[in-house]
Protein backbone atom coordinates (compact mmCIF):
# COMPACT_ATOMS: atom_id res chain seq x y z
CA UNK A 1 120.14 110.91 62.00
CA UNK A 2 118.15 113.94 63.06
CA UNK A 3 117.39 115.01 66.63
CA UNK A 4 113.90 113.49 66.67
CA UNK A 5 115.24 110.14 65.46
CA UNK A 6 117.94 110.23 68.13
CA UNK A 7 115.40 110.98 70.86
CA UNK A 8 113.24 108.08 69.66
CA UNK A 9 116.26 105.74 69.73
CA UNK A 10 117.16 106.90 73.24
CA UNK A 11 113.55 106.36 74.38
CA UNK A 12 113.54 102.83 72.94
CA UNK A 13 116.89 101.99 74.53
CA UNK A 14 115.74 103.40 77.87
CA UNK A 15 112.50 101.44 77.78
CA UNK A 16 114.32 98.20 76.92
CA UNK A 17 116.83 98.83 79.71
CA UNK A 18 114.13 99.61 82.29
CA UNK A 19 112.02 96.60 81.37
CA UNK A 20 115.05 94.29 81.52
CA UNK A 21 116.18 95.83 84.82
CA UNK A 22 112.74 95.37 86.33
CA UNK A 23 112.57 91.75 85.16
CA UNK A 24 116.06 91.03 86.54
CA UNK A 25 115.22 92.63 89.89
CA UNK A 26 112.00 90.67 90.24
CA UNK A 27 113.80 87.45 89.36
CA UNK A 28 116.91 87.79 91.58
CA UNK A 29 117.38 91.12 93.32
CA UNK A 30 120.89 90.41 94.65
CA UNK A 31 122.26 89.39 91.25
CA UNK A 32 120.42 92.26 89.55
CA UNK A 33 121.89 94.92 91.83
CA UNK A 34 125.37 93.58 91.04
CA UNK A 35 124.83 93.27 87.28
CA UNK A 36 123.05 96.61 86.95
CA UNK A 37 125.42 98.41 89.31
CA UNK A 38 122.61 99.93 91.35
CA UNK A 39 121.96 100.10 95.07
CA UNK A 40 119.26 98.10 96.80
CA UNK A 41 117.24 101.30 97.26
CA UNK A 42 117.31 102.03 93.52
CA UNK A 43 116.43 98.40 92.78
CA UNK A 44 113.42 98.68 95.09
CA UNK A 45 112.28 101.85 93.30
CA UNK A 46 112.68 100.27 89.86
CA UNK A 47 110.82 97.16 90.98
CA UNK A 48 107.79 99.21 92.06
CA UNK A 49 107.47 101.34 88.90
CA UNK A 50 104.21 100.94 87.01
CA UNK A 51 104.13 100.59 83.22
CA UNK A 52 103.07 104.23 82.91
CA UNK A 53 105.98 105.32 85.10
CA UNK A 54 108.39 103.21 83.05
CA UNK A 55 107.21 104.86 79.85
CA UNK A 56 107.47 108.34 81.36
CA UNK A 57 110.97 107.68 82.68
CA UNK A 58 112.07 106.13 79.37
CA UNK A 59 110.90 109.23 77.50
CA UNK A 60 113.59 111.46 78.99
CA UNK A 61 116.04 112.78 76.42
CA UNK A 62 119.09 111.28 78.10
CA UNK A 63 120.34 107.72 78.32
CA UNK A 64 119.51 106.06 81.64
CA UNK A 65 122.02 103.23 81.23
CA UNK A 66 125.69 104.13 81.24
CA UNK A 67 129.10 102.51 81.38
CA UNK A 68 129.88 101.47 84.93
CA UNK A 69 133.55 102.28 84.57
CA UNK A 70 135.72 105.09 83.38
CA UNK A 71 138.88 103.01 83.27
CA UNK A 72 140.26 102.20 79.83
CA UNK A 73 142.06 99.14 81.23
CA UNK A 74 138.77 97.51 82.24
CA UNK A 75 137.22 98.29 78.86
CA UNK A 76 140.27 96.75 77.20
CA UNK A 77 139.92 93.58 79.29
CA UNK A 78 136.26 93.26 78.36
CA UNK A 79 136.90 93.69 74.65
CA UNK A 80 140.10 91.62 74.39
CA UNK A 81 139.80 88.84 71.83
CA UNK A 82 143.09 87.10 72.64
CA UNK A 83 143.52 83.55 73.83
CA UNK A 84 143.08 84.58 77.47
CA UNK A 85 139.95 86.68 76.86
CA UNK A 86 137.84 84.66 79.33
CA UNK A 87 140.43 85.29 82.04
CA UNK A 88 140.56 89.00 81.15
CA UNK A 89 136.76 89.30 81.37
CA UNK A 90 136.78 87.55 84.75
CA UNK A 91 139.50 89.88 85.97
CA UNK A 92 137.51 92.90 84.77
CA UNK A 93 134.41 91.63 86.61
CA UNK A 94 136.44 91.29 89.81
CA UNK A 95 137.78 94.82 89.41
CA UNK A 96 134.29 96.23 88.80
CA UNK A 97 132.97 94.69 92.03
CA UNK A 98 135.29 97.06 93.86
CA UNK A 99 133.59 100.11 92.35
CA UNK A 100 131.07 101.79 94.60
CA UNK A 101 127.42 101.79 93.63
CA UNK A 102 126.05 105.26 92.96
CA UNK A 103 122.78 106.32 94.51
CA UNK A 104 120.46 108.74 92.76
CA UNK A 105 119.93 111.68 95.07
């Protein structure tokens, strides 16, 4: 994959993420802020973006969505395929609720 292809893939992923985020926020802002891991202020900004602004933001050369955790234990819980995988995913969700939401400054 060359650099131009990678940038196009990032743009497409960003646009999909932004459109989904905006739809989630408009549908249920409280649930969206939790699921997206964003503050209410960021949710309000995303909700108000026009289509042109979404496209411009999606065209940046860096991924806008990122993993909400840097803890390998949580990642392990989310990807566990054992018999207690549902319990592990629930436990991981509980642990992630304790992480602070980052604001864009």
